[in-house]
Amino acid sequence: MNLPDLEPDERVALVGLVLSIVDADNSKSEAEMEEFRAIAAEVGRREFDEAFRRAKTSLKTLDDVIAFATEKVQRPGAREMIRTVLIDLAAADFISDEERAIVDRISDAWGLKK
């Protein structure tokens, strides 16, 4: 499975989680932003922009993001891939405690091993 294979709601969950990781430690490094742009390019600009708009308007808190992702991302392959993307994004500079906590929360919600 690749990012373009995600269904629309899965893309919204991905974007919500990506935005949560980017904002988690109140620091946006150049490496992290490069990874963010690479994710957007791989998803597809139009599809990413649509998912971004939906995520920004409907997912106001991390709890909203986790609940949405838990409900809407049901395919195991999509869950694994999204978690891998989150880890790669967080590791672009270094994984902060705040970023690790988000990855742990979604891993727990999805029943994925850490």
N, C-alpha and C. Protein backbone atom coordinates (compact mmCIF):
# COMPACT_ATOMS: atom_id res chain seq x y z
N MET A 1 0.84 -1.18 0.00
CA MET A 1 0.00 0.00 0.00
C MET A 1 0.88 1.24 0.00
N ASN A 2 0.44 2.26 -0.74
CA ASN A 2 1.13 3.54 -0.82
C ASN A 2 0.16 4.65 -0.45
N LEU A 3 0.68 5.83 -0.16
CA LEU A 3 -0.17 6.95 0.23
C LEU A 3 -1.29 7.26 -0.77
N PRO A 4 -1.04 7.20 -2.08
CA PRO A 4 -2.15 7.48 -3.01
C PRO A 4 -3.29 6.46 -2.93
N ASP A 5 -3.03 5.31 -2.29
CA ASP A 5 -4.06 4.27 -2.15
C ASP A 5 -5.03 4.54 -1.01
N LEU A 6 -4.76 5.54 -0.19
CA LEU A 6 -5.65 5.85 0.93
C LEU A 6 -6.99 6.35 0.43
N GLU A 7 -8.03 5.96 1.13
CA GLU A 7 -9.37 6.46 0.84
C GLU A 7 -9.51 7.87 1.40
N PRO A 8 -10.51 8.64 0.95
CA PRO A 8 -10.62 10.04 1.38
C PRO A 8 -10.60 10.25 2.90
N ASP A 9 -11.37 9.48 3.66
CA ASP A 9 -11.37 9.65 5.11
C ASP A 9 -10.03 9.24 5.73
N GLU A 10 -9.37 8.26 5.14
CA GLU A 10 -8.04 7.87 5.62
C GLU A 10 -7.04 9.00 5.38
N ARG A 11 -7.19 9.70 4.27
CA ARG A 11 -6.30 10.85 4.00
C ARG A 11 -6.54 11.96 5.02
N VAL A 12 -7.80 12.20 5.38
CA VAL A 12 -8.10 13.21 6.39
C VAL A 12 -7.45 12.82 7.72
N ALA A 13 -7.56 11.56 8.08
CA ALA A 13 -6.93 11.08 9.31
C ALA A 13 -5.41 11.26 9.24
N LEU A 14 -4.82 10.88 8.11
CA LEU A 14 -3.38 11.07 7.92
C LEU A 14 -2.98 12.53 8.12
N VAL A 15 -3.69 13.42 7.44
CA VAL A 15 -3.35 14.84 7.52
C VAL A 15 -3.54 15.37 8.94
N GLY A 16 -4.63 14.98 9.60
CA GLY A 16 -4.83 15.40 10.98
C GLY A 16 -3.72 14.94 11.89
N LEU A 17 -3.28 13.70 11.70
CA LEU A 17 -2.19 13.17 12.52
C LEU A 17 -0.87 13.84 12.17
N VAL A 18 -0.62 14.07 10.89
CA VAL A 18 0.60 14.76 10.47
C VAL A 18 0.65 16.16 11.06
N LEU A 19 -0.46 16.89 10.99
CA LEU A 19 -0.50 18.23 11.57
C LEU A 19 -0.27 18.19 13.08
N SER A 20 -0.80 17.16 13.73
CA SER A 20 -0.60 17.02 15.17
C SER A 20 0.87 16.79 15.49
N ILE A 21 1.55 15.97 14.69
CA ILE A 21 2.98 15.72 14.89
C ILE A 21 3.77 17.01 14.67
N VAL A 22 3.48 17.71 13.58
CA VAL A 22 4.21 18.94 13.26
C VAL A 22 4.05 19.97 14.37
N ASP A 23 2.86 20.07 14.94
CA ASP A 23 2.60 21.06 15.98
C ASP A 23 2.95 20.59 17.40
N ALA A 24 3.26 19.32 17.56
CA ALA A 24 3.39 18.73 18.90
C ALA A 24 4.44 19.39 19.77
N ASP A 25 5.60 19.67 19.22
CA ASP A 25 6.69 20.18 20.05
C ASP A 25 6.95 21.67 19.85
N ASN A 26 5.98 22.34 19.21
CA ASN A 26 6.10 23.79 18.97
C ASN A 26 7.36 24.17 18.21
N SER A 27 7.87 23.22 17.40
CA SER A 27 9.08 23.47 16.62
C SER A 27 8.92 22.82 15.26
N LYS A 28 9.15 23.59 14.22
CA LYS A 28 9.05 23.07 12.85
C LYS A 28 10.42 23.19 12.19
N SER A 29 11.18 22.12 12.22
CA SER A 29 12.50 22.14 11.61
C SER A 29 12.38 22.06 10.10
N GLU A 30 13.44 22.46 9.42
CA GLU A 30 13.46 22.38 7.96
C GLU A 30 13.31 20.92 7.51
N ALA A 31 13.97 19.99 8.21
CA ALA A 31 13.86 18.57 7.86
C ALA A 31 12.42 18.08 8.00
N GLU A 32 11.77 18.51 9.05
CA GLU A 32 10.37 18.12 9.28
C GLU A 32 9.47 18.69 8.18
N MET A 33 9.71 19.92 7.80
CA MET A 33 8.89 20.55 6.75
C MET A 33 9.16 19.90 5.38
N GLU A 34 10.39 19.49 5.13
CA GLU A 34 10.69 18.76 3.89
C GLU A 34 9.91 17.45 3.85
N GLU A 35 9.87 16.75 4.97
CA GLU A 35 9.11 15.50 5.06
C GLU A 35 7.62 15.77 4.85
N PHE A 36 7.11 16.84 5.45
CA PHE A 36 5.71 17.25 5.28
C PHE A 36 5.40 17.47 3.80
N ARG A 37 6.26 18.21 3.10
CA ARG A 37 6.05 18.47 1.67
C ARG A 37 6.12 17.18 0.85
N ALA A 38 6.99 16.26 1.25
CA ALA A 38 7.10 14.98 0.54
C ALA A 38 5.83 14.15 0.72
N ILE A 39 5.25 14.19 1.91
CA ILE A 39 3.99 13.48 2.16
C ILE A 39 2.90 14.06 1.27
N ALA A 40 2.80 15.38 1.24
CA ALA A 40 1.79 16.04 0.41
C ALA A 40 1.97 15.68 -1.06
N ALA A 41 3.20 15.67 -1.53
CA ALA A 41 3.46 15.35 -2.94
C ALA A 41 3.09 13.90 -3.24
N GLU A 42 3.41 12.99 -2.32
CA GLU A 42 3.10 11.58 -2.56
C GLU A 42 1.59 11.32 -2.54
N VAL A 43 0.89 11.95 -1.63
CA VAL A 43 -0.56 11.80 -1.58
C VAL A 43 -1.19 12.34 -2.86
N GLY A 44 -0.62 13.44 -3.36
CA GLY A 44 -1.17 14.14 -4.51
C GLY A 44 -1.65 15.50 -4.04
N ARG A 45 -1.22 16.54 -4.70
CA ARG A 45 -1.50 17.90 -4.23
C ARG A 45 -2.99 18.15 -4.04
N ARG A 46 -3.81 17.82 -5.02
CA ARG A 46 -5.25 18.08 -4.92
C ARG A 46 -5.87 17.29 -3.78
N GLU A 47 -5.53 16.01 -3.69
CA GLU A 47 -6.08 15.16 -2.65
C GLU A 47 -5.61 15.60 -1.26
N PHE A 48 -4.33 16.00 -1.17
CA PHE A 48 -3.81 16.47 0.11
C PHE A 48 -4.50 17.76 0.52
N ASP A 49 -4.65 18.69 -0.43
CA ASP A 49 -5.29 19.96 -0.10
C ASP A 49 -6.73 19.76 0.39
N GLU A 50 -7.46 18.86 -0.24
CA GLU A 50 -8.83 18.58 0.18
C GLU A 50 -8.84 17.97 1.59
N ALA A 51 -7.95 17.01 1.84
CA ALA A 51 -7.86 16.39 3.16
C ALA A 51 -7.43 17.43 4.21
N PHE A 52 -6.53 18.32 3.82
CA PHE A 52 -6.07 19.39 4.72
C PHE A 52 -7.24 20.29 5.11
N ARG A 53 -8.02 20.70 4.14
CA ARG A 53 -9.19 21.55 4.43
C ARG A 53 -10.16 20.85 5.37
N ARG A 54 -10.46 19.58 5.09
CA ARG A 54 -11.38 18.84 5.95
C ARG A 54 -10.83 18.70 7.37
N ALA A 55 -9.55 18.37 7.47
CA ALA A 55 -8.94 18.18 8.79
C ALA A 55 -8.94 19.48 9.58
N LYS A 56 -8.59 20.58 8.94
CA LYS A 56 -8.52 21.87 9.64
C LYS A 56 -9.90 22.36 10.10
N THR A 57 -10.95 22.03 9.34
CA THR A 57 -12.28 22.50 9.72
C THR A 57 -12.99 21.59 10.71
N SER A 58 -12.69 20.30 10.70
CA SER A 58 -13.47 19.39 11.54
C SER A 58 -12.69 18.75 12.70
N LEU A 59 -11.38 18.78 12.64
CA LEU A 59 -10.58 18.14 13.69
C LEU A 59 -9.83 19.21 14.47
N LYS A 60 -10.44 19.69 15.52
CA LYS A 60 -9.93 20.85 16.27
C LYS A 60 -8.90 20.48 17.34
N THR A 61 -8.98 19.28 17.87
CA THR A 61 -8.08 18.88 18.95
C THR A 61 -7.45 17.53 18.62
N LEU A 62 -6.41 17.20 19.35
CA LEU A 62 -5.80 15.88 19.17
C LEU A 62 -6.81 14.78 19.46
N ASP A 63 -7.66 14.97 20.46
CA ASP A 63 -8.69 13.97 20.75
C ASP A 63 -9.61 13.77 19.55
N ASP A 64 -9.97 14.87 18.87
CA ASP A 64 -10.78 14.78 17.65
C ASP A 64 -10.07 13.95 16.59
N VAL A 65 -8.78 14.22 16.41
CA VAL A 65 -7.98 13.52 15.40
C VAL A 65 -7.92 12.03 15.71
N ILE A 66 -7.61 11.70 16.95
CA ILE A 66 -7.50 10.28 17.35
C ILE A 66 -8.84 9.58 17.18
N ALA A 67 -9.93 10.20 17.60
CA ALA A 67 -11.27 9.59 17.47
C ALA A 67 -11.61 9.38 15.99
N PHE A 68 -11.35 10.38 15.16
CA PHE A 68 -11.64 10.27 13.73
C PHE A 68 -10.81 9.15 13.11
N ALA A 69 -9.52 9.13 13.39
CA ALA A 69 -8.63 8.11 12.83
C ALA A 69 -9.02 6.71 13.30
N THR A 70 -9.41 6.61 14.56
CA THR A 70 -9.81 5.31 15.10
C THR A 70 -11.06 4.79 14.38
N GLU A 71 -12.01 5.68 14.13
CA GLU A 71 -13.25 5.28 13.48
C GLU A 71 -13.07 5.04 11.98
N LYS A 72 -12.35 5.90 11.30
CA LYS A 72 -12.33 5.91 9.84
C LYS A 72 -11.24 5.06 9.20
N VAL A 73 -10.15 4.82 9.91
CA VAL A 73 -9.06 4.02 9.33
C VAL A 73 -9.19 2.60 9.87
N GLN A 74 -9.81 1.75 9.08
CA GLN A 74 -10.07 0.38 9.50
C GLN A 74 -9.14 -0.64 8.84
N ARG A 75 -8.60 -0.30 7.69
CA ARG A 75 -7.75 -1.27 6.98
C ARG A 75 -6.39 -1.37 7.67
N PRO A 76 -5.98 -2.60 8.02
CA PRO A 76 -4.69 -2.78 8.71
C PRO A 76 -3.51 -2.18 7.93
N GLY A 77 -3.50 -2.35 6.63
CA GLY A 77 -2.40 -1.81 5.83
C GLY A 77 -2.34 -0.29 5.89
N ALA A 78 -3.49 0.35 5.90
CA ALA A 78 -3.54 1.81 6.00
C ALA A 78 -3.06 2.26 7.38
N ARG A 79 -3.46 1.55 8.41
CA ARG A 79 -3.03 1.89 9.77
C ARG A 79 -1.51 1.80 9.89
N GLU A 80 -0.95 0.70 9.43
CA GLU A 80 0.50 0.50 9.51
C GLU A 80 1.24 1.57 8.72
N MET A 81 0.76 1.87 7.51
CA MET A 81 1.43 2.84 6.67
C MET A 81 1.38 4.24 7.29
N ILE A 82 0.22 4.62 7.79
CA ILE A 82 0.09 5.94 8.40
C ILE A 82 1.01 6.05 9.62
N ARG A 83 1.05 5.01 10.44
CA ARG A 83 1.95 5.06 11.60
C ARG A 83 3.40 5.19 11.16
N THR A 84 3.80 4.47 10.12
CA THR A 84 5.16 4.58 9.60
C THR A 84 5.46 5.99 9.12
N VAL A 85 4.50 6.60 8.42
CA VAL A 85 4.66 7.99 7.97
C VAL A 85 4.85 8.92 9.16
N LEU A 86 4.07 8.72 10.21
CA LEU A 86 4.18 9.56 11.40
C LEU A 86 5.54 9.42 12.07
N ILE A 87 6.03 8.20 12.16
CA ILE A 87 7.34 7.97 12.77
C ILE A 87 8.43 8.62 11.92
N ASP A 88 8.35 8.45 10.61
CA ASP A 88 9.34 9.06 9.71
C ASP A 88 9.31 10.59 9.83
N LEU A 89 8.12 11.15 9.91
CA LEU A 89 7.99 12.61 10.06
C LEU A 89 8.60 13.07 11.38
N ALA A 90 8.26 12.40 12.45
CA ALA A 90 8.78 12.78 13.76
C ALA A 90 10.30 12.62 13.82
N ALA A 91 10.82 11.61 13.15
CA ALA A 91 12.26 11.33 13.18
C ALA A 91 13.05 12.20 12.20
N ALA A 92 12.37 13.03 11.43
CA ALA A 92 13.08 13.88 10.47
C ALA A 92 14.11 14.77 11.16
N ASP A 93 13.81 15.22 12.37
CA ASP A 93 14.80 15.96 13.14
C ASP A 93 15.19 15.10 14.35
N PHE A 94 14.33 14.97 15.29
CA PHE A 94 14.45 14.01 16.39
C PHE A 94 13.05 13.83 16.95
N ILE A 95 12.79 12.68 17.51
CA ILE A 95 11.44 12.40 18.02
C ILE A 95 11.33 12.97 19.43
N SER A 96 10.49 14.00 19.56
CA SER A 96 10.27 14.60 20.88
C SER A 96 9.32 13.72 21.69
N ASP A 97 9.26 13.98 22.98
CA ASP A 97 8.34 13.24 23.85
C ASP A 97 6.89 13.45 23.40
N GLU A 98 6.59 14.69 22.98
CA GLU A 98 5.22 15.00 22.54
C GLU A 98 4.86 14.23 21.26
N GLU A 99 5.80 14.15 20.34
CA GLU A 99 5.56 13.40 19.10
C GLU A 99 5.41 11.92 19.38
N ARG A 100 6.27 11.40 20.25
CA ARG A 100 6.20 9.98 20.61
C ARG A 100 4.85 9.66 21.26
N ALA A 101 4.34 10.59 22.08
CA ALA A 101 3.06 10.37 22.75
C ALA A 101 1.92 10.25 21.73
N ILE A 102 1.98 11.04 20.66
CA ILE A 102 0.94 10.95 19.61
C ILE A 102 1.04 9.61 18.90
N VAL A 103 2.24 9.21 18.53
CA VAL A 103 2.42 7.92 17.86
C VAL A 103 1.95 6.79 18.78
N ASP A 104 2.27 6.88 20.05
CA ASP A 104 1.83 5.85 21.00
C ASP A 104 0.30 5.82 21.12
N ARG A 105 -0.32 6.99 21.18
CA ARG A 105 -1.79 7.03 21.31
C ARG A 105 -2.49 6.39 20.12
N ILE A 106 -2.05 6.72 18.91
CA ILE A 106 -2.72 6.15 17.74
C ILE A 106 -2.39 4.67 17.62
N SER A 107 -1.17 4.29 17.98
CA SER A 107 -0.81 2.86 17.96
C SER A 107 -1.71 2.08 18.91
N ASP A 108 -1.92 2.62 20.10
CA ASP A 108 -2.81 1.97 21.07
C ASP A 108 -4.25 1.91 20.55
N ALA A 109 -4.72 3.02 20.02
CA ALA A 109 -6.10 3.08 19.51
C ALA A 109 -6.32 2.08 18.39
N TRP A 110 -5.32 1.87 17.58
CA TRP A 110 -5.42 0.94 16.46
C TRP A 110 -5.00 -0.47 16.81
N GLY A 111 -4.52 -0.70 18.02
CA GLY A 111 -4.09 -2.02 18.44
C GLY A 111 -2.81 -2.47 17.77
N LEU A 112 -1.94 -1.50 17.46
CA LEU A 112 -0.67 -1.82 16.82
C LEU A 112 0.43 -1.94 17.87
N LYS A 113 1.35 -2.87 17.66
CA LYS A 113 2.48 -3.01 18.58
C LYS A 113 3.40 -1.83 18.42
N LYS A 114 3.98 -1.42 19.54
CA LYS A 114 4.90 -0.28 19.52
C LYS A 114 6.31 -0.72 19.21
